[in-house]
Amino acid sequence: MDTAMKQKARVLKVLGDPNRLRIIDLLRDGELCQCEIIPVIGQSQPNVSRHLRLMEKAGILTKRKDGTRTLYKVSHEGVFTIVDLVALVGS
């Protein structure tokens, strides 16, 4: 299996978690601090950090530091297209 195929499978696997999809939806309006994501997701800080880290490693999210805050955003608008198309398949 080639590298591109492995990367595609990795991204789809990471997106296959309802909490991660909720985070993606939150980021539709732009970047957010982890501290803004945690209360909406309703999970502990370590759990949310793990989800964010996995999505960052898969190339789905990017992050930047702003003082003590870490801000996350979706790395490419195509991620929203993928998520939206999957929603159409199930309907």
Protein backbone atom coordinates (compact mmCIF):
# COMPACT_ATOMS: atom_id res chain seq x y z
CA MET A 1 0.00 0.00 0.00
CA ASP A 2 1.41 3.38 -0.94
CA THR A 3 1.97 6.30 1.41
CA ALA A 4 -0.90 8.41 0.03
CA MET A 5 -3.39 5.59 0.62
CA LYS A 6 -2.14 5.10 4.17
CA GLN A 7 -2.55 8.83 4.87
CA LYS A 8 -6.12 8.78 3.52
CA ALA A 9 -6.99 5.82 5.73
CA ARG A 10 -5.41 7.53 8.75
CA VAL A 11 -7.41 10.74 8.24
CA LEU A 12 -10.68 8.83 7.83
CA LYS A 13 -9.95 6.75 10.92
CA VAL A 14 -9.25 9.87 13.00
CA LEU A 15 -12.47 11.48 11.72
CA GLY A 16 -14.43 8.37 12.74
CA ASP A 17 -15.04 9.57 16.30
CA PRO A 18 -18.20 11.54 17.21
CA ASN A 19 -16.33 13.84 19.60
CA ARG A 20 -13.76 14.72 16.96
CA LEU A 21 -16.55 15.45 14.49
CA ARG A 22 -18.10 17.78 17.08
CA ILE A 23 -14.77 19.58 17.38
CA ILE A 24 -14.61 19.94 13.58
CA ASP A 25 -18.10 21.44 13.60
CA LEU A 26 -17.08 23.91 16.31
CA LEU A 27 -14.16 25.03 14.17
CA ARG A 28 -16.33 25.83 11.13
CA ASP A 29 -16.48 29.46 12.22
CA GLY A 30 -12.72 29.76 12.67
CA GLU A 31 -10.04 29.01 15.21
CA LEU A 32 -10.79 28.37 18.85
CA CYS A 33 -8.78 27.99 22.00
CA GLN A 34 -8.77 24.58 23.62
CA CYS A 35 -10.32 26.31 26.65
CA GLU A 36 -13.32 27.22 24.48
CA ILE A 37 -13.71 23.70 23.09
CA ILE A 38 -13.63 21.81 26.41
CA PRO A 39 -16.92 23.12 27.88
CA VAL A 40 -18.85 22.57 24.65
CA ILE A 41 -17.60 19.00 24.21
CA GLY A 42 -18.25 18.22 27.87
CA GLN A 43 -15.18 16.04 28.32
CA SER A 44 -12.14 16.41 30.51
CA GLN A 45 -9.19 18.54 29.43
CA PRO A 46 -6.94 15.48 28.92
CA ASN A 47 -9.55 13.83 26.65
CA VAL A 48 -10.04 16.93 24.54
CA SER A 49 -6.26 17.40 24.33
CA ARG A 50 -5.90 13.84 23.07
CA HIS A 51 -8.56 14.38 20.37
CA LEU A 52 -6.88 17.63 19.27
CA ARG A 53 -3.43 16.03 19.21
CA LEU A 54 -4.63 13.08 17.10
CA MET A 55 -6.27 15.41 14.59
CA GLU A 56 -3.18 17.59 14.46
CA LYS A 57 -0.90 14.58 13.86
CA ALA A 58 -3.20 13.42 11.04
CA GLY A 59 -2.94 16.86 9.42
CA ILE A 60 -6.60 17.73 10.00
CA LEU A 61 -5.90 20.60 12.42
CA THR A 62 -3.18 23.18 12.86
CA LYS A 63 -2.40 25.03 16.05
CA ARG A 64 -0.69 28.23 17.07
CA LYS A 65 0.27 29.77 20.38
CA ASP A 66 -1.12 33.12 21.48
CA GLY A 67 0.52 33.80 24.82
CA THR A 68 -0.61 30.99 27.09
CA ARG A 69 -3.50 30.01 24.83
CA THR A 70 -3.29 27.34 22.13
CA LEU A 71 -5.59 28.04 19.20
CA TYR A 72 -6.73 25.34 16.78
CA LYS A 73 -8.19 25.55 13.30
CA VAL A 74 -8.99 23.14 10.49
CA SER A 75 -5.98 22.88 8.19
CA HIS A 76 -7.97 22.81 4.95
CA GLU A 77 -11.56 23.69 4.04
CA GLY A 78 -11.81 20.30 2.30
CA VAL A 79 -12.14 18.66 5.72
CA PHE A 80 -15.61 20.22 6.01
CA THR A 81 -16.49 18.88 2.57
CA ILE A 82 -15.49 15.36 3.61
CA VAL A 83 -17.58 15.55 6.77
CA ASP A 84 -20.57 16.98 4.89
CA LEU A 85 -20.38 14.33 2.15
CA VAL A 86 -20.30 11.51 4.71
CA ALA A 87 -23.47 12.96 6.26
CA LEU A 88 -25.17 12.71 2.83
CA VAL A 89 -24.21 9.04 2.43
CA GLY A 90 -26.07 8.10 5.61
CA SER A 91 -29.31 9.86 4.68
